[in-house]
Amino acid sequence: MKKIMIMPLLFLVGVLSAEEVDIKANHFYADDITKLAYFEGDATITQGKNSFHAVKVIVYFNSNRKAIKYEATGEVQFDLIEKEIHYKGKADKITYAPNDSKYYFVGDVVLNDLTNNRKIVAEEILLDLKTGLADIKGSNNQPVHFRFEIEDRK
């Protein structure tokens, strides 16, 4: 029994220390077969200056024990600095794929670009940091709302 309990922890510790990711939660469990690690209850994930706070965080691993996707769900709040732009906001769910440098925000998304003084309210936002693509979707009941400043012409 001890061997089964220790294996998921060794699996996770090896991966997280290599990636310098810090995750805290009230409950943790991992499944070596599906290569998933679950953090539930007041879950916080931090990597460098970036952080997410959610009800639940799931980390997906590949066969080399490297994290390939992070999924935060439930009242997610985030604080991110990517490509020298500071984003802060909330969503119902956020998926991050580090290999692809993609963030996918879903459900009542509020994304504040603090660097450029812009605010986006939408149902879904896909940010591809490799290509610079931003795909933003609203819904029938709530269209995309994009607020920004422009320079005065003088």
Protein backbone atom coordinates (compact mmCIF):
# COMPACT_ATOMS: atom_id res chain seq x y z
CA MET A 1 0.00 0.00 0.00
CA LYS A 2 2.80 2.43 0.79
CA LYS A 3 4.25 1.90 -2.68
CA ILE A 4 0.99 2.92 -4.36
CA MET A 5 0.67 6.05 -2.22
CA ILE A 6 4.29 7.13 -2.76
CA MET A 7 4.37 6.65 -6.56
CA PRO A 8 1.98 9.52 -7.42
CA LEU A 9 3.86 11.86 -5.12
CA LEU A 10 7.22 10.96 -6.63
CA PHE A 11 5.69 11.34 -10.08
CA LEU A 12 4.42 14.82 -9.28
CA VAL A 13 7.43 16.07 -7.31
CA GLY A 14 9.82 15.16 -10.13
CA VAL A 15 7.76 16.99 -12.71
CA LEU A 16 6.93 20.10 -10.74
CA SER A 17 10.44 20.71 -9.50
CA ALA A 18 11.75 20.59 -13.08
CA GLU A 19 9.10 23.12 -14.19
CA GLU A 20 9.35 25.39 -11.12
CA VAL A 21 5.60 25.29 -10.65
CA ASP A 22 4.13 25.68 -7.17
CA ILE A 23 0.61 24.35 -6.52
CA LYS A 24 -1.21 24.52 -3.20
CA ALA A 25 -4.65 23.10 -2.40
CA ASN A 26 -6.70 21.52 0.37
CA HIS A 27 -6.70 18.11 -1.34
CA PHE A 28 -4.35 16.41 -3.80
CA TYR A 29 -4.58 13.12 -5.63
CA ALA A 30 -2.88 11.71 -8.71
CA ASP A 31 -3.46 8.87 -11.15
CA ASP A 32 -0.29 7.42 -12.68
CA ILE A 33 -2.28 5.48 -15.29
CA THR A 34 -4.10 8.50 -16.75
CA LYS A 35 -1.16 10.81 -15.95
CA LEU A 36 -3.39 13.35 -14.21
CA ALA A 37 -2.88 15.21 -10.94
CA TYR A 38 -5.84 16.86 -9.18
CA PHE A 39 -5.68 19.74 -6.72
CA GLU A 40 -9.02 20.63 -5.14
CA GLY A 41 -10.24 23.23 -2.69
CA ASP A 42 -8.68 26.68 -2.63
CA ALA A 43 -6.17 25.68 -5.32
CA THR A 44 -3.43 28.12 -6.24
CA ILE A 45 -0.91 27.54 -9.01
CA THR A 46 2.12 29.81 -9.35
CA GLN A 47 4.92 29.84 -11.90
CA GLY A 48 7.25 32.81 -11.74
CA LYS A 49 5.12 35.96 -11.68
CA ASN A 50 2.02 34.16 -13.01
CA SER A 51 -0.69 32.80 -10.76
CA PHE A 52 -4.15 31.23 -10.90
CA HIS A 53 -6.55 30.72 -8.03
CA ALA A 54 -9.42 28.25 -8.54
CA VAL A 55 -11.65 25.68 -6.90
CA LYS A 56 -9.86 22.90 -8.82
CA VAL A 57 -6.66 22.52 -10.85
CA ILE A 58 -5.89 19.50 -13.04
CA VAL A 59 -2.38 18.96 -14.40
CA TYR A 60 -1.97 16.73 -17.46
CA PHE A 61 1.38 14.97 -17.98
CA ASN A 62 2.96 13.22 -20.95
CA SER A 63 4.80 9.89 -20.80
CA ASN A 64 8.03 11.74 -19.89
CA ARG A 65 6.35 13.17 -16.79
CA LYS A 66 6.34 16.68 -18.20
CA ALA A 67 3.31 18.91 -17.68
CA ILE A 68 1.59 19.47 -21.02
CA LYS A 69 -1.61 21.19 -19.89
CA TYR A 70 -3.04 22.94 -16.84
CA GLU A 71 -6.77 23.33 -16.32
CA ALA A 72 -8.19 25.60 -13.62
CA THR A 73 -11.95 25.52 -12.97
CA GLY A 74 -14.39 27.20 -10.64
CA GLU A 75 -14.26 30.94 -9.95
CA VAL A 76 -10.81 31.25 -11.50
CA GLN A 77 -8.87 34.44 -10.86
CA PHE A 78 -5.60 35.05 -12.66
CA ASP A 79 -2.64 37.40 -12.68
CA LEU A 80 -0.36 36.88 -15.69
CA ILE A 81 2.61 38.62 -17.23
CA GLU A 82 3.26 37.39 -20.77
CA LYS A 83 5.39 39.12 -23.42
CA GLU A 84 5.75 42.11 -21.04
CA ILE A 85 1.95 42.57 -20.88
CA HIS A 86 0.24 42.31 -17.48
CA TYR A 87 -3.17 40.58 -17.55
CA LYS A 88 -5.49 40.27 -14.58
CA GLY A 89 -9.02 38.96 -14.45
CA LYS A 90 -11.42 36.09 -13.98
CA ALA A 91 -13.15 33.24 -15.82
CA ASP A 92 -15.11 30.10 -15.08
CA LYS A 93 -12.37 27.93 -16.60
CA ILE A 94 -8.84 28.48 -17.92
CA THR A 95 -6.75 25.99 -19.85
CA TYR A 96 -3.05 26.63 -20.43
CA ALA A 97 -0.88 24.60 -22.81
CA PRO A 98 2.76 25.56 -22.09
CA ASN A 99 4.21 23.80 -25.16
CA ASP A 100 1.88 25.71 -27.47
CA SER A 101 1.91 28.94 -25.41
CA LYS A 102 -1.89 29.08 -25.54
CA TYR A 103 -4.37 30.29 -22.95
CA TYR A 104 -8.04 29.43 -23.34
CA PHE A 105 -10.45 31.36 -21.07
CA VAL A 106 -14.10 30.21 -20.93
CA GLY A 107 -17.25 31.48 -19.19
CA ASP A 108 -17.89 35.05 -18.04
CA VAL A 109 -14.36 36.11 -18.93
CA VAL A 110 -13.06 39.48 -17.79
CA LEU A 111 -9.53 40.13 -19.03
CA ASN A 112 -7.84 43.37 -18.00
CA ASP A 113 -4.70 44.33 -19.90
CA LEU A 114 -3.13 46.53 -17.24
CA THR A 115 -0.15 47.45 -19.42
CA ASN A 116 -2.21 48.93 -22.26
CA ASN A 117 -5.26 49.96 -20.21
CA ARG A 118 -7.66 47.67 -22.09
CA LYS A 119 -10.51 45.53 -20.83
CA ILE A 120 -12.23 42.66 -22.61
CA VAL A 121 -15.47 41.05 -21.45
CA ALA A 122 -16.43 37.90 -23.39
CA GLU A 123 -17.68 34.33 -23.20
CA GLU A 124 -14.46 32.80 -24.65
CA ILE A 125 -10.96 34.09 -25.31
CA LEU A 126 -8.11 32.21 -26.95
CA LEU A 127 -4.68 33.83 -26.65
CA ASP A 128 -1.90 32.29 -28.75
CA LEU A 129 1.32 33.84 -27.50
CA LYS A 130 3.46 32.28 -30.25
CA THR A 131 1.48 33.81 -33.12
CA GLY A 132 -0.02 36.81 -31.33
CA LEU A 133 -3.53 35.65 -32.30
CA ALA A 134 -6.46 36.61 -30.06
CA ASP A 135 -9.79 34.93 -30.85
CA ILE A 136 -12.61 36.43 -28.77
CA LYS A 137 -16.22 35.21 -28.75
CA GLY A 138 -19.36 36.52 -27.15
CA SER A 139 -22.76 34.91 -26.89
CA ASN A 140 -26.23 35.80 -28.15
CA ASN A 141 -27.09 37.30 -24.77
CA GLN A 142 -23.77 39.01 -24.19
CA PRO A 143 -21.66 40.26 -27.12
CA VAL A 144 -17.94 40.87 -26.78
CA HIS A 145 -17.20 44.12 -24.98
CA PHE A 146 -13.79 45.64 -25.69
CA ARG A 147 -12.78 48.90 -23.98
CA PHE A 148 -9.56 50.78 -24.71
CA GLU A 149 -8.06 54.29 -24.89
CA ILE A 150 -6.96 56.09 -28.03
CA GLU A 151 -4.62 59.02 -28.39
CA ASP A 152 -6.13 62.46 -28.79
CA ARG A 153 -5.43 64.11 -32.12
CA LYS A 154 -4.03 67.54 -31.35
